Amino acid sequence: MLLTEMEELSKNLNALEKFLSTLPEKALNLGVRVLIAAVLFFIGVKVIKFIRKITKKSLERANVEVGVVQFLDALIKILLYIVLIIMIAGNFGFDAASIVALLGSAGVTIGLALQGSLSNLAGGVLILLLKPFRVGDYIIESGHGNEGFVKEIGIFYTKLMTGDNKVVVLPNGGLANASIINASESKTRRVDLMVGISYNNDIETAKNAIREVIAEDADALQGEPVSVFVDSLGDSSVNIGIRFYCENAKYWDVRWRVLENVKTALDNAGIEIPYPQVTVHSAGQD
């Protein structure tokens, strides 16, 4: 019994001695592999940046749309980093086929857990294929009423820049299924204004004053239809509708300027822009 225990102890000591004797070599090999992995990662990052830069320039020289360039750049970045991770894992002795199989299984699991992200990816592809809008277009989406200039079309999200320089991030999945108003699709855009005048004022005088403002504005397109008309009879005012066209890029400046000039012209013509009024009659009095 004692002899057996002594033999077992001797075997354990021999195994420990063998492990300790090979430990420096194993540590050295691990250190070398870690160093190689670090070098591979550093070089790989540089190579990925270089490939993305060359690809981006080639696409731009081919006059590919900015949105497509942004989308492909993000996709290439993800794919190249996956390849880099496989290479680094292979340096540590992992089989590339096993890593790919593992990534595939993980991809299915993650895909089921992140169905919304896959929907956003599919939405991004649809946006690039169907082209309801492009980078630089001014759009209004029906879902939440967000509007602004399209700044970037990414893999999963589209970024809008609002008029007050706020960035709105919209999921591509919802954006692809929403109704979208693209205000930049045409080179010209119609300006719609509404001005109320008093019932005591002459309608033709007011309309002529408004027409003169539009005719004198340098950015109002005179070759396009200009309409000044009575739109409705309100509780306190006669509402005059104003419609004319301008270049799309100048829309907001023209709208604000013409609206201000209309107010000035109506004041000069003696036309009153009324505010809501209530006439009260007391019972028992004439």
Protein backbone atom coordinates (compact mmCIF):
# COMPACT_ATOMS: atom_id res chain seq x y z
CA MET A 1 0.00 0.00 0.00
CA LEU A 2 2.76 2.39 1.00
CA LEU A 3 4.78 1.36 -2.08
CA THR A 4 1.86 2.16 -4.35
CA GLU A 5 1.45 5.60 -2.84
CA MET A 6 5.16 6.27 -3.22
CA GLU A 7 5.04 5.29 -6.91
CA GLU A 8 2.02 7.54 -7.47
CA LEU A 9 3.77 10.44 -5.75
CA SER A 10 6.88 9.83 -7.83
CA LYS A 11 4.84 9.92 -11.04
CA ASN A 12 3.21 13.22 -10.02
CA LEU A 13 6.58 14.74 -9.17
CA ASN A 14 8.01 13.62 -12.50
CA ALA A 15 5.03 15.13 -14.34
CA LEU A 16 5.40 18.38 -12.42
CA GLU A 17 9.13 18.45 -13.10
CA LYS A 18 8.51 17.84 -16.81
CA PHE A 19 5.86 20.60 -16.90
CA LEU A 20 8.16 23.07 -15.16
CA SER A 21 11.02 22.19 -17.46
CA THR A 22 8.88 22.86 -20.56
CA LEU A 23 7.12 25.92 -19.10
CA PRO A 24 9.72 28.48 -20.29
CA GLU A 25 9.56 27.06 -23.80
CA LYS A 26 5.74 27.13 -23.82
CA ALA A 27 5.70 30.64 -22.39
CA LEU A 28 8.19 31.72 -25.03
CA ASN A 29 6.08 30.15 -27.79
CA LEU A 30 2.93 31.83 -26.44
CA GLY A 31 4.73 35.15 -26.19
CA VAL A 32 5.95 34.83 -29.76
CA ARG A 33 2.43 34.01 -30.97
CA VAL A 34 0.97 36.96 -29.08
CA LEU A 35 3.65 39.19 -30.60
CA ILE A 36 2.92 37.83 -34.08
CA ALA A 37 -0.81 38.36 -33.49
CA ALA A 38 -0.17 41.96 -32.43
CA VAL A 39 1.95 42.56 -35.53
CA LEU A 40 -0.68 40.92 -37.74
CA PHE A 41 -3.39 43.09 -36.21
CA PHE A 42 -1.35 46.28 -36.66
CA ILE A 43 -0.46 45.46 -40.26
CA GLY A 44 -3.99 44.21 -40.97
CA VAL A 45 -5.56 47.46 -39.78
CA LYS A 46 -3.23 49.43 -42.05
CA VAL A 47 -3.97 47.15 -45.01
CA ILE A 48 -7.74 47.41 -44.40
CA LYS A 49 -7.54 51.20 -44.35
CA PHE A 50 -5.49 51.16 -47.56
CA ILE A 51 -7.94 48.81 -49.33
CA ARG A 52 -10.92 50.92 -48.22
CA LYS A 53 -9.18 54.09 -49.42
CA ILE A 54 -8.35 52.61 -52.84
CA THR A 55 -11.86 51.15 -53.23
CA LYS A 56 -13.50 54.41 -52.22
CA LYS A 57 -11.42 56.44 -54.70
CA SER A 58 -12.13 53.94 -57.49
CA LEU A 59 -15.87 54.12 -56.86
CA GLU A 60 -15.80 57.91 -56.75
CA ARG A 61 -13.87 58.03 -60.05
CA ALA A 62 -16.54 55.77 -61.53
CA ASN A 63 -19.15 58.38 -60.47
CA VAL A 64 -20.88 55.92 -58.14
CA GLU A 65 -23.44 57.59 -55.85
CA VAL A 66 -22.21 58.75 -52.47
CA GLY A 67 -24.75 56.57 -50.64
CA VAL A 68 -23.55 53.44 -52.46
CA VAL A 69 -19.92 54.33 -51.69
CA GLN A 70 -20.71 54.75 -47.99
CA PHE A 71 -22.64 51.47 -47.86
CA LEU A 72 -19.96 49.43 -49.66
CA ASP A 73 -17.20 51.00 -47.58
CA ALA A 74 -18.90 49.93 -44.33
CA LEU A 75 -19.58 46.43 -45.70
CA ILE A 76 -15.98 45.95 -46.90
CA LYS A 77 -14.70 47.11 -43.51
CA ILE A 78 -16.74 44.47 -41.65
CA LEU A 79 -15.76 41.65 -44.04
CA LEU A 80 -12.04 42.49 -43.93
CA TYR A 81 -12.01 42.62 -40.14
CA ILE A 82 -13.65 39.18 -40.06
CA VAL A 83 -10.87 37.85 -42.33
CA LEU A 84 -8.27 39.47 -40.07
CA ILE A 85 -9.76 37.84 -36.96
CA ILE A 86 -9.68 34.42 -38.69
CA MET A 87 -6.02 34.92 -39.60
CA ILE A 88 -5.09 35.89 -36.03
CA ALA A 89 -7.03 32.93 -34.62
CA GLY A 90 -5.21 30.63 -37.06
CA ASN A 91 -1.92 31.91 -35.65
CA PHE A 92 -2.93 30.41 -32.28
CA GLY A 93 -3.56 27.00 -33.85
CA PHE A 94 -7.29 27.24 -34.53
CA ASP A 95 -8.46 25.60 -37.75
CA ALA A 96 -9.83 28.10 -40.27
CA ALA A 97 -12.69 25.77 -41.31
CA SER A 98 -13.72 25.33 -37.68
CA ILE A 99 -13.65 29.09 -37.16
CA VAL A 100 -15.82 29.67 -40.23
CA ALA A 101 -18.27 26.99 -39.07
CA LEU A 102 -18.33 28.55 -35.61
CA LEU A 103 -18.93 32.01 -37.06
CA GLY A 104 -21.71 30.60 -39.23
CA SER A 105 -23.44 29.00 -36.27
CA ALA A 106 -22.99 32.14 -34.22
CA GLY A 107 -24.29 34.19 -37.13
CA VAL A 108 -27.52 32.17 -37.28
CA THR A 109 -28.01 32.50 -33.53
CA ILE A 110 -27.25 36.20 -33.52
CA GLY A 111 -29.42 36.69 -36.59
CA LEU A 112 -32.42 35.17 -34.83
CA ALA A 113 -31.78 37.36 -31.80
CA LEU A 114 -31.25 40.49 -33.86
CA GLN A 115 -33.94 40.25 -36.50
CA GLY A 116 -34.41 44.01 -36.40
CA SER A 117 -30.79 44.57 -37.42
CA LEU A 118 -31.15 42.15 -40.34
CA SER A 119 -34.29 44.04 -41.34
CA ASN A 120 -32.28 47.27 -41.28
CA LEU A 121 -29.58 45.65 -43.42
CA ALA A 122 -32.16 44.51 -45.97
CA GLY A 123 -33.73 47.97 -45.86
CA GLY A 124 -30.36 49.58 -46.60
CA VAL A 125 -29.89 47.32 -49.62
CA LEU A 126 -33.40 48.16 -50.89
CA ILE A 127 -32.78 51.89 -50.48
CA LEU A 128 -29.59 51.64 -52.54
CA LEU A 129 -31.25 49.52 -55.22
CA LEU A 130 -34.55 51.37 -55.55
CA LYS A 131 -33.04 54.84 -54.84
CA PRO A 132 -36.06 56.61 -53.31
CA PHE A 133 -33.52 59.21 -52.17
CA ARG A 134 -29.80 59.91 -52.37
CA VAL A 135 -27.21 61.55 -50.15
CA GLY A 136 -27.87 65.30 -50.19
CA ASP A 137 -31.63 65.00 -50.84
CA TYR A 138 -34.13 66.67 -48.50
CA ILE A 139 -36.67 64.08 -47.39
CA ILE A 140 -39.66 63.85 -45.04
CA GLU A 141 -40.52 60.42 -43.63
CA SER A 142 -44.07 59.58 -42.65
CA GLY A 143 -43.33 57.39 -39.62
CA HIS A 144 -42.41 60.11 -37.12
CA GLY A 145 -42.40 63.20 -39.33
CA ASN A 146 -38.60 63.50 -39.32
CA GLU A 147 -37.17 65.60 -42.11
CA GLY A 148 -33.79 66.90 -43.23
CA PHE A 149 -30.94 66.46 -45.68
CA VAL A 150 -29.65 62.90 -46.12
CA LYS A 151 -26.15 62.93 -44.68
CA GLU A 152 -25.24 59.25 -44.84
CA ILE A 153 -26.79 55.93 -45.92
CA GLY A 154 -25.17 53.28 -43.74
CA ILE A 155 -25.57 49.51 -43.51
CA PHE A 156 -28.16 49.66 -40.76
CA TYR A 157 -29.06 53.34 -40.36
CA THR A 158 -29.57 56.49 -42.43
CA LYS A 159 -28.55 59.86 -40.97
CA LEU A 160 -30.47 63.07 -41.62
CA MET A 161 -29.17 66.59 -40.95
CA THR A 162 -32.00 68.87 -39.84
CA GLY A 163 -32.19 72.59 -40.54
CA ASP A 164 -30.84 73.38 -37.05
CA ASN A 165 -27.84 71.02 -37.52
CA LYS A 166 -29.20 68.11 -35.50
CA VAL A 167 -28.45 64.58 -36.70
CA VAL A 168 -31.46 62.23 -36.83
CA VAL A 169 -30.59 58.52 -37.06
CA LEU A 170 -33.31 56.43 -38.75
CA PRO A 171 -33.34 52.59 -39.00
CA ASN A 172 -33.20 51.51 -42.64
CA GLY A 173 -35.86 48.83 -42.09
CA GLY A 174 -38.52 51.31 -41.03
CA LEU A 175 -37.38 53.87 -43.58
CA ALA A 176 -37.67 51.38 -46.45
CA ASN A 177 -41.28 50.61 -45.45
CA ALA A 178 -42.33 54.21 -44.76
CA SER A 179 -43.85 56.75 -47.12
CA ILE A 180 -41.14 59.23 -48.05
CA ILE A 181 -41.50 62.71 -49.52
CA ASN A 182 -38.39 63.60 -51.52
CA ALA A 183 -38.35 67.37 -51.86
CA SER A 184 -35.12 67.32 -53.88
CA GLU A 185 -36.23 65.03 -56.69
CA SER A 186 -37.19 68.00 -58.93
CA LYS A 187 -35.03 71.01 -59.70
CA THR A 188 -37.89 73.37 -58.89
CA ARG A 189 -40.27 73.48 -55.93
CA ARG A 190 -43.59 75.22 -55.43
CA VAL A 191 -43.87 77.73 -52.60
CA ASP A 192 -47.27 77.71 -50.88
CA LEU A 193 -48.17 80.66 -48.64
CA MET A 194 -51.36 81.80 -46.93
CA VAL A 195 -52.16 85.36 -45.85
CA GLY A 196 -55.37 86.59 -44.19
CA ILE A 197 -56.77 90.05 -44.94
CA SER A 198 -59.67 91.92 -43.38
CA TYR A 199 -63.20 91.61 -44.74
CA ASN A 200 -63.20 95.41 -45.00
CA ASN A 201 -60.28 95.49 -47.47
CA ASP A 202 -60.42 95.26 -51.24
CA ILE A 203 -59.40 91.78 -52.41
CA GLU A 204 -58.05 92.85 -55.81
CA THR A 205 -55.83 95.50 -54.22
CA ALA A 206 -54.33 92.88 -51.92
CA LYS A 207 -53.85 90.38 -54.76
CA ASN A 208 -52.15 92.98 -56.96
CA ALA A 209 -49.76 93.92 -54.13
CA ILE A 210 -48.84 90.26 -53.66
CA ARG A 211 -48.31 89.72 -57.41
CA GLU A 212 -45.93 92.69 -57.53
CA VAL A 213 -43.84 91.17 -54.71
CA ILE A 214 -43.50 87.89 -56.58
CA ALA A 215 -42.74 89.65 -59.88
CA GLU A 216 -39.98 91.71 -58.27
CA ASP A 217 -38.32 88.78 -56.48
CA ALA A 218 -35.20 87.69 -58.38
CA ASP A 219 -35.50 84.02 -57.35
CA ALA A 220 -39.20 83.55 -58.13
CA LEU A 221 -39.38 81.72 -61.47
CA GLN A 222 -41.47 83.94 -63.72
CA GLY A 223 -41.74 81.27 -66.42
CA GLU A 224 -43.69 79.02 -64.04
CA PRO A 225 -47.36 79.48 -63.04
CA VAL A 226 -48.07 82.10 -60.36
CA SER A 227 -51.39 81.89 -58.53
CA VAL A 228 -52.88 84.40 -56.07
CA PHE A 229 -56.42 83.44 -55.10
CA VAL A 230 -59.06 83.47 -52.35
CA ASP A 231 -58.53 80.14 -50.61
CA SER A 232 -61.19 80.36 -47.90
CA LEU A 233 -63.41 82.69 -45.90
CA GLY A 234 -62.30 82.45 -42.28
CA ASP A 235 -63.98 83.58 -39.09
CA SER A 236 -61.98 86.81 -38.97
CA SER A 237 -60.26 87.05 -42.36
CA VAL A 238 -60.36 86.40 -46.06
CA ASN A 239 -57.53 83.91 -46.62
CA ILE A 240 -55.46 84.58 -49.73
CA GLY A 241 -53.52 81.64 -51.15
CA ILE A 242 -50.17 82.27 -52.87
CA ARG A 243 -48.40 79.79 -55.15
CA PHE A 244 -45.27 80.23 -57.22
CA TYR A 245 -42.09 78.31 -58.04
CA CYS A 246 -38.39 78.70 -57.26
CA GLU A 247 -35.21 76.64 -57.50
CA ASN A 248 -35.19 73.78 -55.02
CA ALA A 249 -31.91 74.80 -53.40
CA LYS A 250 -33.27 78.30 -52.67
CA TYR A 251 -36.67 77.25 -51.33
CA TRP A 252 -36.41 78.31 -47.69
CA ASP A 253 -34.67 81.63 -48.39
CA VAL A 254 -37.27 82.52 -51.03
CA ARG A 255 -40.19 81.47 -48.82
CA TRP A 256 -39.06 83.54 -45.84
CA ARG A 257 -38.15 86.59 -47.93
CA VAL A 258 -41.36 86.66 -49.96
CA LEU A 259 -43.51 86.21 -46.87
CA GLU A 260 -41.82 89.20 -45.22
CA ASN A 261 -42.09 91.30 -48.37
CA VAL A 262 -45.81 90.44 -48.72
CA LYS A 263 -46.42 91.73 -45.20
CA THR A 264 -44.60 94.98 -46.04
CA ALA A 265 -46.47 95.38 -49.35
CA LEU A 266 -49.85 94.85 -47.72
CA ASP A 267 -49.01 97.41 -45.04
CA ASN A 268 -48.00 99.93 -47.71
CA ALA A 269 -51.25 99.27 -49.60
CA GLY A 270 -53.30 99.86 -46.45
CA ILE A 271 -54.40 96.23 -46.25
CA GLU A 272 -55.07 94.99 -42.73
CA ILE A 273 -53.97 91.52 -41.60
CA PRO A 274 -56.56 90.89 -38.87
CA TYR A 275 -56.39 88.87 -35.69
CA PRO A 276 -59.27 86.72 -34.40
CA GLN A 277 -62.11 88.88 -33.07
CA VAL A 278 -65.34 88.11 -31.20
CA THR A 279 -68.42 90.36 -31.28
CA VAL A 280 -70.50 90.08 -28.07
CA HIS A 281 -74.20 91.00 -28.01
CA SER A 282 -75.89 91.52 -24.61
CA ALA A 283 -79.47 90.34 -24.27
CA GLY A 284 -82.00 93.09 -23.65
CA GLN A 285 -79.88 95.78 -25.31
CA ASP A 286 -80.21 97.24 -28.80
